[in-house]
Amino acid sequence: MLSVIIYICAVLSACVYLFFLVRYHLHMLQLNTYQVRKYSNWLKKRFFNVFTWKSLVLPALLAFLTVDDIRKCSITLTCLFIAFILLAATTKIKSEKKPFSVTARVKRLIICLILLYSFSFFAFYIFNLRFLLAVIALLVPLYIFIAVLIMMPIEKTISNHYLNDAKRKLKNANNLTLIGITGSYGKTSTKYTLAKLLCTKYNVLMTPESYNTPMGVTKTVRGFLNPTTEMFIAEMGAMRKGEINQLCKLTNPVAGMLSSVGPQHLETFKTIETVISTKFELADHVWKNGGVMFLNYNNEYIAKHEIMGMCVKYGVVDSTHSAELFDVWAENISVGSFGCDFDICFKDGERKNFCTRLLGFHNVMNITGAVAVACHYGASLDRLVIAVRQLEPVPHRLELLKKSSLLSIIDDAYNSNPSGAKFALDTLSYFGGKKILVTPGMIELGDKEDELNTEFGRQAAAVCDLIILVGKKQTACIKAGALTAGYDEEKIIVVDDIKDAFKMFSDITEETVVLLENDLPDDYS
């Protein structure tokens, strides 16, 4: 009887550990947007992080539980039970940056997994293959793959229902103007700015946070669009060719903004030419419908692209871009730790002075584009001046956080890109005191990842008094770049976790500004 009780406890403890293993893989699947290809690529890259010695110990322990003689030995079973408890207790549970969300889709996957595991257990016992239970822990990714494939037709049917409902709601919306925003970087910040400016004249709805996928836009439309909405701003993201076009078919925008084009998501786009053509899918759709595009003409890729319809060119006058290039532009720019002060000018000769608490030269660019759109739709310049003065930074995008009288943090933790990283370093250079960079580097840059991270290191060497790199392997190129620029190796510190970096700021004795540039998501950390 005692053996039976201990055996049940050992089996239950094994099941609990297996449950957390399944949960972890479901979380990674969710972070990879439920796509089998992305999840499998993640699995390949993180193979030795996922399949550690504990992944082998668990099947070995499960194997013992399937042996008849051992199941009758209380002492052995007790040892196995203790081994499972110790295994679970020594497993380091990381805090999740983007918590696992038990959505309706996850619940459907869990039900499918329960049925799959139940069928497996039943089959193993019926055909006297109990030893196969030992490898179930190693087969969790396989069960995930099978569950996703089984559920694919059901999920497709459900998503089509939601998409069609969103299309119907948008089509039936009277007096609704829909504006699409895309770009390799800057689109979320520009979206927030534009929404604030258009609110001076219209009832505005925008896709929240980084809701820039078909289902993200659909969720916004179905949940928040109402008869009083006059302007809808839809952020449009893409990691593959054709995805912007898919969003355009859903929303049918009459105007669009292209904030930037650059080497981002090259892991999936492969080439910068594919990035350009994908981003211009928004312009192609808008011009086909006789609408207007607002284009950032400071961006070389955008400026070189053929114009096929009505557009408003906006930008910032600098050493390489004169006012003649633009229809709306910013000049007389003063950028510092206080924010920015600048004039926005129009081709008809009108100009207004603006000031904002937002940090960084690139925010002047984003504001200029947003002002161009708002004025096109009849917003008052005087009201826009007030709205720009009241703009708040978007969380984790050059957000200035005052932690103490001596410590300030520039939080630019949202996934970084080469242009954004340089903008952030430029912003850091405007501050006085000791300047420190904390970064795990940039990701999803394909074959150019090492090259661009090396250049990031060289740029950091010109600005920072101290560089703290998070993760030895993934930041090696940043370190190499800084060293080739003549940076003192003693001023480069490598830590395993970002928390270790911030522990170093607990006893500072001088004015210090820390730039947190990028914070890798859970599936990269």
Protein backbone atom coordinates (compact mmCIF):
# COMPACT_ATOMS: atom_id res chain seq x y z
CA MET A 1 0.00 0.00 0.00
CA LEU A 2 2.83 2.38 0.91
CA SER A 3 4.52 1.60 -2.40
CA VAL A 4 1.33 2.47 -4.28
CA ILE A 5 0.98 5.82 -2.48
CA ILE A 6 4.61 6.76 -3.08
CA TYR A 7 4.32 5.62 -6.70
CA ILE A 8 1.28 7.86 -7.23
CA CYS A 9 3.14 10.80 -5.62
CA ALA A 10 6.15 10.21 -7.89
CA VAL A 11 3.92 10.07 -10.99
CA LEU A 12 2.05 13.23 -9.95
CA SER A 13 5.29 15.11 -9.30
CA ALA A 14 6.51 14.06 -12.76
CA CYS A 15 3.23 15.29 -14.28
CA VAL A 16 3.58 18.67 -12.54
CA TYR A 17 7.09 19.09 -13.93
CA LEU A 18 5.83 18.05 -17.37
CA PHE A 19 3.01 20.60 -17.08
CA PHE A 20 5.46 23.47 -16.58
CA LEU A 21 7.52 22.19 -19.50
CA VAL A 22 4.44 22.26 -21.75
CA ARG A 23 3.51 25.73 -20.48
CA TYR A 24 6.99 27.04 -21.34
CA HIS A 25 6.76 25.75 -24.90
CA LEU A 26 3.24 27.14 -25.32
CA HIS A 27 4.57 30.53 -24.20
CA MET A 28 7.37 30.38 -26.77
CA LEU A 29 4.83 29.39 -29.44
CA GLN A 30 2.70 32.38 -28.45
CA LEU A 31 5.69 34.75 -28.65
CA ASN A 32 6.32 33.36 -32.14
CA THR A 33 2.73 34.24 -33.10
CA TYR A 34 1.62 30.57 -33.21
CA GLN A 35 3.55 30.04 -36.45
CA VAL A 36 5.10 26.58 -36.79
CA ARG A 37 7.95 27.87 -38.96
CA LYS A 38 8.92 30.62 -36.50
CA TYR A 39 8.63 28.29 -33.52
CA SER A 40 10.77 25.63 -35.22
CA ASN A 41 13.40 28.26 -36.13
CA TRP A 42 13.42 29.42 -32.52
CA LEU A 43 13.84 25.79 -31.41
CA LYS A 44 16.81 25.29 -33.73
CA LYS A 45 18.56 28.44 -32.53
CA ARG A 46 17.94 27.80 -28.84
CA PHE A 47 18.32 24.00 -28.98
CA PHE A 48 21.00 23.72 -26.30
CA ASN A 49 19.18 26.24 -24.08
CA VAL A 50 15.95 24.26 -24.31
CA PHE A 51 17.33 20.73 -24.14
CA THR A 52 19.61 20.96 -21.10
CA TRP A 53 20.79 18.14 -18.81
CA LYS A 54 17.48 18.40 -16.95
CA SER A 55 15.64 17.58 -20.16
CA LEU A 56 17.53 14.27 -20.20
CA VAL A 57 17.19 13.58 -16.47
CA LEU A 58 13.39 13.75 -16.57
CA PRO A 59 12.97 11.00 -19.23
CA ALA A 60 15.50 8.87 -17.34
CA LEU A 61 13.47 9.19 -14.13
CA LEU A 62 10.23 8.52 -15.98
CA ALA A 63 11.82 5.37 -17.41
CA PHE A 64 12.29 4.02 -13.88
CA LEU A 65 8.59 4.52 -13.16
CA THR A 66 7.65 2.16 -16.00
CA VAL A 67 9.64 -0.79 -14.60
CA ASP A 68 7.43 -3.24 -12.64
CA ASP A 69 10.05 -4.32 -10.07
CA ILE A 70 10.90 -0.74 -9.13
CA ARG A 71 7.22 0.15 -8.67
CA LYS A 72 7.10 -2.36 -5.82
CA CYS A 73 10.14 -0.93 -4.00
CA SER A 74 9.21 1.84 -1.57
CA ILE A 75 12.80 3.02 -1.06
CA THR A 76 13.49 3.40 -4.79
CA LEU A 77 10.16 5.13 -5.35
CA THR A 78 10.88 7.52 -2.49
CA CYS A 79 14.24 8.38 -4.09
CA LEU A 80 12.52 9.00 -7.42
CA PHE A 81 9.91 11.19 -5.75
CA ILE A 82 12.63 13.25 -4.03
CA ALA A 83 14.54 13.47 -7.35
CA PHE A 84 11.48 14.96 -9.08
CA ILE A 85 10.98 17.47 -6.26
CA LEU A 86 14.65 18.51 -6.38
CA LEU A 87 14.48 18.77 -10.16
CA ALA A 88 11.53 21.14 -9.95
CA ALA A 89 13.02 23.09 -7.02
CA THR A 90 16.32 23.73 -8.81
CA THR A 91 14.61 24.95 -11.96
CA LYS A 92 15.12 28.69 -12.21
CA ILE A 93 11.84 30.37 -13.08
CA LYS A 94 12.55 33.56 -15.02
CA SER A 95 10.32 36.59 -14.73
CA GLU A 96 8.45 37.02 -18.01
CA LYS A 97 8.77 40.33 -19.84
CA LYS A 98 5.66 39.53 -21.86
CA PRO A 99 3.56 37.25 -19.66
CA PHE A 100 1.98 34.10 -20.99
CA SER A 101 -1.63 34.88 -21.82
CA VAL A 102 -4.21 32.11 -21.58
CA THR A 103 -6.28 33.24 -24.55
CA ALA A 104 -9.16 31.36 -26.14
CA ARG A 105 -6.70 30.03 -28.73
CA VAL A 106 -4.35 28.76 -26.00
CA LYS A 107 -7.28 27.04 -24.27
CA ARG A 108 -8.15 25.26 -27.51
CA LEU A 109 -4.53 24.16 -27.91
CA ILE A 110 -4.43 22.91 -24.30
CA ILE A 111 -7.57 20.80 -24.86
CA CYS A 112 -5.98 19.37 -28.02
CA LEU A 113 -2.75 18.59 -26.13
CA ILE A 114 -4.65 16.87 -23.31
CA LEU A 115 -6.41 14.67 -25.86
CA LEU A 116 -3.11 13.92 -27.61
CA TYR A 117 -1.35 12.99 -24.37
CA SER A 118 -4.32 10.91 -23.20
CA PHE A 119 -4.36 9.02 -26.50
CA SER A 120 -0.57 8.45 -26.21
CA PHE A 121 -0.80 7.10 -22.64
CA PHE A 122 -3.67 4.82 -23.61
CA ALA A 123 -1.85 3.53 -26.71
CA PHE A 124 1.41 2.94 -24.83
CA TYR A 125 -0.35 0.81 -22.22
CA ILE A 126 -2.58 -1.08 -24.67
CA PHE A 127 0.39 -2.10 -26.82
CA ASN A 128 2.68 -2.64 -23.82
CA LEU A 129 5.01 0.20 -24.83
CA ARG A 130 5.17 1.84 -21.42
CA PHE A 131 8.88 2.57 -21.84
CA LEU A 132 7.88 5.22 -24.43
CA LEU A 133 6.44 7.28 -21.57
CA ALA A 134 10.06 8.01 -20.71
CA VAL A 135 10.61 10.11 -23.83
CA ILE A 136 7.41 12.15 -23.58
CA ALA A 137 9.31 15.00 -21.91
CA LEU A 138 11.62 15.19 -24.93
CA LEU A 139 8.67 15.11 -27.33
CA VAL A 140 6.87 18.21 -25.99
CA PRO A 141 7.79 20.30 -29.08
CA LEU A 142 6.53 17.48 -31.33
CA TYR A 143 3.19 17.40 -29.48
CA ILE A 144 3.01 21.21 -29.84
CA PHE A 145 3.60 20.91 -33.61
CA ILE A 146 0.94 18.23 -33.98
CA ALA A 147 -1.58 20.22 -31.91
CA VAL A 148 -1.01 23.37 -33.99
CA LEU A 149 -1.43 21.45 -37.25
CA ILE A 150 -4.62 19.73 -36.02
CA MET A 151 -6.09 23.07 -34.91
CA MET A 152 -5.03 24.98 -38.04
CA PRO A 153 -8.32 24.56 -40.00
CA ILE A 154 -10.34 25.49 -36.90
CA GLU A 155 -8.19 28.57 -36.19
CA LYS A 156 -8.40 29.60 -39.85
CA THR A 157 -12.20 29.42 -39.74
CA ILE A 158 -12.36 31.42 -36.50
CA SER A 159 -9.92 34.11 -37.69
CA ASN A 160 -11.77 34.45 -41.03
CA HIS A 161 -15.00 35.00 -39.11
CA TYR A 162 -13.40 37.77 -37.04
CA LEU A 163 -11.70 39.34 -40.09
CA ASN A 164 -14.93 39.38 -42.09
CA ASP A 165 -16.79 40.89 -39.14
CA ALA A 166 -14.14 43.65 -38.88
CA LYS A 167 -14.35 44.30 -42.65
CA ARG A 168 -18.13 44.57 -42.42
CA LYS A 169 -17.90 46.98 -39.49
CA LEU A 170 -15.39 49.20 -41.32
CA LYS A 171 -17.43 49.14 -44.53
CA ASN A 172 -20.60 50.19 -42.70
CA ALA A 173 -18.86 53.00 -40.78
CA ASN A 174 -20.14 56.34 -42.03
CA ASN A 175 -17.80 59.35 -42.36
CA LEU A 176 -14.79 57.31 -41.21
CA THR A 177 -11.34 58.27 -42.50
CA LEU A 178 -8.80 55.48 -42.22
CA ILE A 179 -5.07 56.24 -42.13
CA GLY A 180 -2.43 53.51 -42.32
CA ILE A 181 1.02 53.95 -40.80
CA THR A 182 3.98 51.75 -41.54
CA GLY A 183 7.77 51.90 -41.43
CA SER A 184 10.80 49.91 -40.38
CA TYR A 185 10.96 52.00 -37.21
CA GLY A 186 9.19 55.01 -35.70
CA LYS A 187 5.68 53.92 -36.70
CA THR A 188 4.38 53.35 -33.16
CA SER A 189 5.71 56.68 -31.84
CA THR A 190 4.39 58.48 -34.93
CA LYS A 191 0.99 56.79 -34.48
CA TYR A 192 0.69 58.01 -30.88
CA THR A 193 1.73 61.53 -31.90
CA LEU A 194 -0.68 61.67 -34.84
CA ALA A 195 -3.57 60.43 -32.70
CA LYS A 196 -2.94 63.21 -30.13
CA LEU A 197 -2.83 65.86 -32.86
CA LEU A 198 -5.92 64.67 -34.72
CA CYS A 199 -7.79 64.62 -31.39
CA THR A 200 -7.74 68.43 -31.50
CA LYS A 201 -10.42 68.24 -34.21
CA TYR A 202 -11.73 64.67 -34.50
CA ASN A 203 -12.91 61.66 -32.51
CA VAL A 204 -9.93 59.35 -33.05
CA LEU A 205 -9.34 55.61 -32.62
CA MET A 206 -5.92 54.03 -33.05
CA THR A 207 -4.62 50.50 -32.75
CA PRO A 208 -3.13 50.32 -29.22
CA GLU A 209 0.46 49.46 -28.26
CA SER A 210 2.00 47.43 -31.10
CA TYR A 211 -1.24 45.97 -32.43
CA ASN A 212 -0.05 45.94 -36.05
CA THR A 213 -1.11 42.51 -37.35
CA PRO A 214 -4.41 41.58 -39.06
CA MET A 215 -5.77 40.07 -35.83
CA GLY A 216 -4.51 43.05 -33.79
CA VAL A 217 -6.33 45.49 -36.09
CA THR A 218 -9.38 43.21 -36.14
CA LYS A 219 -9.49 43.11 -32.34
CA THR A 220 -9.34 46.93 -32.23
CA VAL A 221 -12.11 47.36 -34.78
CA ARG A 222 -14.45 44.80 -33.23
CA GLY A 223 -13.85 46.02 -29.70
CA PHE A 224 -13.57 49.80 -29.97
CA LEU A 225 -14.85 51.20 -33.27
CA ASN A 226 -18.18 52.95 -32.75
CA PRO A 227 -20.50 55.25 -34.76
CA THR A 228 -18.87 58.41 -33.35
CA THR A 229 -15.36 57.49 -34.55
CA GLU A 230 -14.22 59.88 -37.28
CA MET A 231 -10.57 58.89 -37.71
CA PHE A 232 -9.05 55.44 -37.40
CA ILE A 233 -5.25 55.13 -37.39
CA ALA A 234 -4.06 51.61 -38.12
CA GLU A 235 -0.43 50.68 -37.48
CA MET A 236 0.76 48.16 -40.06
CA GLY A 237 3.67 45.86 -39.29
CA ALA A 238 5.26 43.21 -41.47
CA MET A 239 7.96 40.57 -41.34
CA ARG A 240 7.33 39.16 -44.81
CA LYS A 241 6.39 40.44 -48.24
CA GLY A 242 2.63 40.74 -48.75
CA GLU A 243 1.71 41.31 -45.08
CA ILE A 244 1.13 45.08 -45.51
CA ASN A 245 -1.05 44.34 -48.53
CA GLN A 246 -3.08 41.94 -46.40
CA LEU A 247 -3.67 44.70 -43.85
CA CYS A 248 -4.65 47.14 -46.62
CA LYS A 249 -7.27 44.69 -47.91
CA LEU A 250 -8.68 44.51 -44.41
CA THR A 251 -8.76 48.25 -43.66
CA ASN A 252 -8.81 49.95 -47.12
CA PRO A 253 -6.95 53.13 -46.00
CA VAL A 254 -7.55 56.42 -47.88
CA ALA A 255 -4.26 57.90 -46.62
CA GLY A 256 -0.98 56.56 -45.40
CA MET A 257 2.27 57.47 -43.66
CA LEU A 258 5.64 55.88 -44.34
CA SER A 259 7.88 56.84 -41.41
CA SER A 260 11.04 55.01 -42.47
CA VAL A 261 12.64 52.17 -44.38
CA GLY A 262 15.72 50.40 -43.08
CA PRO A 263 17.44 47.09 -42.39
CA GLN A 264 15.06 45.56 -39.89
CA HIS A 265 13.67 41.98 -39.77
CA LEU A 266 16.23 40.97 -42.38
CA GLU A 267 16.06 37.50 -40.89
CA THR A 268 12.74 37.07 -42.72
CA PHE A 269 12.92 39.80 -45.40
CA LYS A 270 16.44 38.70 -46.45
CA THR A 271 17.16 41.86 -48.51
CA ILE A 272 16.60 45.61 -48.11
CA GLU A 273 14.89 45.61 -51.53
CA THR A 274 12.20 43.30 -50.12
CA VAL A 275 11.76 45.63 -47.13
CA ILE A 276 11.28 48.61 -49.47
CA SER A 277 8.72 46.89 -51.72
CA THR A 278 6.82 45.58 -48.68
CA LYS A 279 6.60 48.98 -46.99
CA PHE A 280 5.46 50.58 -50.25
CA GLU A 281 2.57 48.12 -50.46
CA LEU A 282 0.69 50.70 -48.35
CA ALA A 283 1.49 53.46 -50.84
CA ASP A 284 0.50 51.27 -53.80
CA HIS A 285 -2.91 50.60 -52.22
CA VAL A 286 -3.52 54.25 -51.25
CA TRP A 287 -2.49 55.60 -54.68
CA LYS A 288 -4.62 52.99 -56.44
CA ASN A 289 -7.62 54.42 -54.54
CA GLY A 290 -6.64 58.02 -55.33
CA GLY A 291 -5.48 58.78 -51.78
CA VAL A 292 -2.52 60.70 -50.39
CA MET A 293 0.73 59.39 -48.89
CA PHE A 294 2.86 61.25 -46.35
CA LEU A 295 6.50 60.30 -46.95
CA ASN A 296 9.57 60.90 -44.79
CA TYR A 297 11.96 62.36 -47.37
CA ASN A 298 14.91 62.35 -44.98
CA ASN A 299 14.97 58.59 -45.55
CA GLU A 300 17.15 57.77 -48.57
CA TYR A 301 15.22 54.61 -49.48
CA ILE A 302 11.91 56.49 -49.53
CA ALA A 303 13.31 59.50 -51.39
CA LYS A 304 14.73 57.29 -54.16
CA HIS A 305 11.48 55.35 -54.69
CA GLU A 306 9.25 56.16 -57.64
CA ILE A 307 6.19 58.28 -56.79
CA MET A 308 3.00 56.91 -58.36
CA GLY A 309 0.38 59.23 -56.88
CA MET A 310 -0.36 62.19 -54.65
CA CYS A 311 2.07 62.63 -51.78
CA VAL A 312 3.19 65.11 -49.12
CA LYS A 313 6.94 65.05 -48.51
CA TYR A 314 7.96 65.88 -44.98
CA GLY A 315 11.28 65.99 -43.19
CA VAL A 316 13.94 67.91 -41.31
CA VAL A 317 16.38 70.41 -42.80
CA ASP A 318 19.97 69.38 -42.05
CA SER A 319 23.40 69.40 -43.67
CA THR A 320 22.32 67.05 -46.46
CA HIS A 321 18.61 67.92 -46.86
CA SER A 322 17.48 71.39 -47.94
CA ALA A 323 13.98 72.86 -47.57
CA GLU A 324 13.39 72.53 -51.34
CA LEU A 325 13.06 68.74 -50.91
CA PHE A 326 9.98 68.98 -48.69
CA ASP A 327 6.38 70.18 -48.67
CA VAL A 328 6.42 70.41 -44.87
CA TRP A 329 9.67 70.61 -42.92
CA ALA A 330 11.27 71.42 -39.58
CA GLU A 331 14.19 73.82 -39.16
CA ASN A 332 15.93 75.93 -36.48
CA ILE A 333 16.07 72.81 -34.32
CA SER A 334 17.39 72.88 -30.79
CA VAL A 335 17.70 69.45 -29.19
CA GLY A 336 18.79 68.77 -25.63
CA SER A 337 18.04 66.96 -22.39
CA PHE A 338 15.00 69.24 -21.99
CA GLY A 339 13.39 68.01 -25.22
CA CYS A 340 13.23 69.83 -28.55
CA ASP A 341 12.40 73.31 -29.87
CA PHE A 342 11.89 73.83 -33.61
CA ASP A 343 9.95 75.60 -36.36
CA ILE A 344 7.63 73.75 -38.76
CA CYS A 345 7.36 75.39 -42.17
CA PHE A 346 5.00 74.95 -45.13
CA LYS A 347 5.54 75.59 -48.85
CA ASP A 348 2.96 78.37 -48.81
CA GLY A 349 5.21 80.34 -46.42
CA GLU A 350 3.40 79.62 -43.16
CA ARG A 351 5.51 78.62 -40.13
CA LYS A 352 5.00 77.94 -36.42
CA ASN A 353 7.32 77.39 -33.49
CA PHE A 354 6.87 74.12 -31.61
CA CYS A 355 8.42 72.70 -28.47
CA THR A 356 8.13 69.22 -26.98
CA ARG A 357 9.37 67.24 -24.00
CA LEU A 358 10.02 64.26 -26.24
CA LEU A 359 13.71 63.43 -26.51
CA GLY A 360 15.70 63.06 -29.69
CA PHE A 361 16.13 64.51 -33.15
CA HIS A 362 14.02 61.72 -34.69
CA ASN A 363 10.99 62.81 -32.65
CA VAL A 364 11.13 66.16 -34.46
CA MET A 365 10.81 64.14 -37.67
CA ASN A 366 7.84 62.15 -36.33
CA ILE A 367 6.08 65.29 -35.08
CA THR A 368 6.65 67.06 -38.42
CA GLY A 369 5.00 64.18 -40.27
CA ALA A 370 2.08 64.10 -37.83
CA VAL A 371 1.59 67.89 -38.16
CA ALA A 372 1.58 67.50 -41.97
CA VAL A 373 -1.22 64.92 -41.76
CA ALA A 374 -3.24 66.88 -39.16
CA CYS A 375 -3.03 70.10 -41.21
CA HIS A 376 -4.07 68.21 -44.35
CA TYR A 377 -7.24 67.26 -42.50
CA GLY A 378 -7.93 70.81 -41.33
CA ALA A 379 -6.53 70.89 -37.79
CA SER A 380 -5.67 74.32 -36.36
CA LEU A 381 -1.94 75.06 -36.14
CA ASP A 382 -2.44 76.96 -32.89
CA ARG A 383 -4.11 73.92 -31.32
CA LEU A 384 -1.38 71.67 -32.67
CA VAL A 385 1.28 73.79 -30.92
CA ILE A 386 -0.47 73.15 -27.59
CA ALA A 387 -0.95 69.43 -28.35
CA VAL A 388 2.75 68.97 -29.22
CA ARG A 389 3.76 70.69 -25.98
CA GLN A 390 1.61 68.20 -24.05
CA LEU A 391 2.92 65.04 -25.77
CA GLU A 392 4.06 62.27 -23.43
CA PRO A 393 6.77 59.77 -24.40
CA VAL A 394 5.59 56.35 -25.55
CA PRO A 395 6.59 53.77 -22.88
CA HIS A 396 10.01 52.20 -23.55
CA ARG A 397 10.75 54.49 -26.50
CA LEU A 398 13.27 57.09 -25.30
CA GLU A 399 11.22 57.53 -22.13
CA LEU A 400 13.14 59.60 -19.56
CA LEU A 401 12.80 58.18 -16.04
CA LYS A 402 14.22 60.10 -13.08
CA LYS A 403 15.18 57.49 -10.48
CA SER A 404 16.96 59.80 -8.03
CA SER A 405 18.65 63.18 -7.87
CA LEU A 406 21.74 61.62 -9.45
CA LEU A 407 20.34 58.81 -11.64
CA SER A 408 18.30 59.20 -14.84
CA ILE A 409 17.37 56.37 -17.19
CA ILE A 410 16.54 56.76 -20.86
CA ASP A 411 14.31 53.75 -21.42
CA ASP A 412 14.53 52.71 -25.06
CA ALA A 413 13.92 49.05 -24.30
CA TYR A 414 11.53 48.29 -27.14
CA ASN A 415 13.15 46.08 -29.80
CA SER A 416 15.98 48.08 -31.28
CA ASN A 417 17.09 48.69 -34.86
CA PRO A 418 20.26 50.29 -36.28
CA SER A 419 18.77 53.73 -36.95
CA GLY A 420 16.89 53.79 -33.64
CA ALA A 421 20.05 52.78 -31.75
CA LYS A 422 22.01 55.63 -33.32
CA PHE A 423 19.21 58.10 -32.54
CA ALA A 424 19.27 56.89 -28.92
CA LEU A 425 23.05 57.35 -28.64
CA ASP A 426 22.72 60.84 -30.14
CA THR A 427 20.09 61.63 -27.50
CA LEU A 428 22.37 60.34 -24.74
CA SER A 429 25.13 62.66 -25.96
CA TYR A 430 22.98 65.73 -25.15
CA PHE A 431 23.04 64.91 -21.43
CA GLY A 432 25.69 65.96 -18.93
CA GLY A 433 27.24 63.71 -16.30
CA LYS A 434 28.44 60.13 -16.69
CA LYS A 435 26.90 58.38 -19.71
CA ILE A 436 26.32 54.62 -19.54
CA LEU A 437 24.92 52.25 -22.16
CA VAL A 438 23.17 49.03 -21.12
CA THR A 439 22.26 46.75 -24.04
CA PRO A 440 21.92 43.11 -25.12
CA GLY A 441 22.39 44.17 -28.75
CA MET A 442 20.12 44.06 -31.78
CA ILE A 443 18.35 41.03 -33.20
CA GLU A 444 16.42 39.88 -36.30
CA LEU A 445 18.93 41.50 -38.66
CA GLY A 446 19.73 38.37 -40.67
CA ASP A 447 23.19 38.11 -42.24
CA LYS A 448 23.93 41.73 -41.35
CA GLU A 449 23.39 41.24 -37.61
CA ASP A 450 27.09 40.97 -36.72
CA GLU A 451 28.06 43.85 -38.98
CA LEU A 452 25.38 46.20 -37.64
CA ASN A 453 26.08 45.31 -34.00
CA THR A 454 29.79 45.97 -34.61
CA GLU A 455 28.93 49.41 -35.98
CA PHE A 456 26.69 49.98 -32.95
CA GLY A 457 29.74 49.30 -30.75
CA ARG A 458 31.81 51.87 -32.64
CA GLN A 459 29.04 54.45 -32.27
CA ALA A 460 28.71 53.73 -28.54
CA ALA A 461 32.46 54.17 -28.04
CA ALA A 462 32.16 57.79 -29.22
CA VAL A 463 29.47 58.67 -26.67
CA CYS A 464 29.61 56.45 -23.57
CA ASP A 465 31.79 56.60 -20.47
CA LEU A 466 30.86 53.00 -19.65
CA ILE A 467 29.33 50.19 -21.73
CA ILE A 468 27.49 47.34 -20.00
CA LEU A 469 26.70 44.41 -22.28
CA VAL A 470 24.02 41.86 -21.36
CA GLY A 471 24.97 38.36 -22.51
CA LYS A 472 28.53 37.47 -23.49
CA LYS A 473 27.89 35.59 -26.74
CA GLN A 474 25.28 37.84 -28.36
CA THR A 475 27.17 41.09 -27.54
CA ALA A 476 30.62 39.98 -28.71
CA CYS A 477 30.31 42.05 -31.89
CA ILE A 478 29.39 45.21 -29.97
CA LYS A 479 32.45 44.75 -27.78
CA ALA A 480 34.64 44.17 -30.83
CA GLY A 481 33.27 47.32 -32.49
CA ALA A 482 33.97 49.45 -29.44
CA LEU A 483 37.51 48.09 -29.14
CA THR A 484 38.28 48.76 -32.82
CA ALA A 485 37.24 52.37 -32.17
CA GLY A 486 39.95 52.58 -29.49
CA TYR A 487 37.64 52.19 -26.49
CA ASP A 488 39.22 51.15 -23.18
CA GLU A 489 38.41 47.46 -22.57
CA GLU A 490 38.26 48.09 -18.83
CA LYS A 491 35.23 50.32 -19.46
CA ILE A 492 33.30 47.42 -21.00
CA ILE A 493 31.47 45.19 -18.52
CA VAL A 494 29.64 42.01 -19.52
CA VAL A 495 26.82 40.67 -17.31
CA ASP A 496 24.49 37.71 -17.65
CA ASP A 497 21.24 39.47 -16.82
CA ILE A 498 19.95 43.02 -17.07
CA LYS A 499 19.16 42.94 -13.35
CA ASP A 500 22.88 42.49 -12.68
CA ALA A 501 23.52 45.69 -14.64
CA PHE A 502 21.10 47.75 -12.59
CA LYS A 503 22.54 46.50 -9.32
CA MET A 504 25.64 48.50 -10.24
CA PHE A 505 23.71 51.78 -9.96
CA SER A 506 22.62 51.34 -6.33
CA ASP A 507 25.45 53.45 -4.87
CA ILE A 508 26.34 56.05 -7.51
CA THR A 509 28.00 59.24 -6.27
CA GLU A 510 27.85 61.42 -9.40
CA GLU A 511 25.26 62.53 -11.92
CA THR A 512 24.62 59.52 -14.17
CA VAL A 513 22.48 58.94 -17.25
CA VAL A 514 21.82 55.34 -18.30
CA LEU A 515 20.58 54.45 -21.77
CA LEU A 516 18.72 51.13 -21.77
CA GLU A 517 18.84 50.22 -25.45
CA ASN A 518 16.73 47.20 -26.29
CA ASP A 519 15.56 44.44 -23.98
CA LEU A 520 15.39 41.05 -25.64
CA PRO A 521 12.02 39.25 -25.51
CA ASP A 522 11.61 36.02 -23.53
CA ASP A 523 12.26 33.82 -26.58
CA TYR A 524 15.70 35.41 -27.04
CA SER A 525 16.77 35.65 -23.39
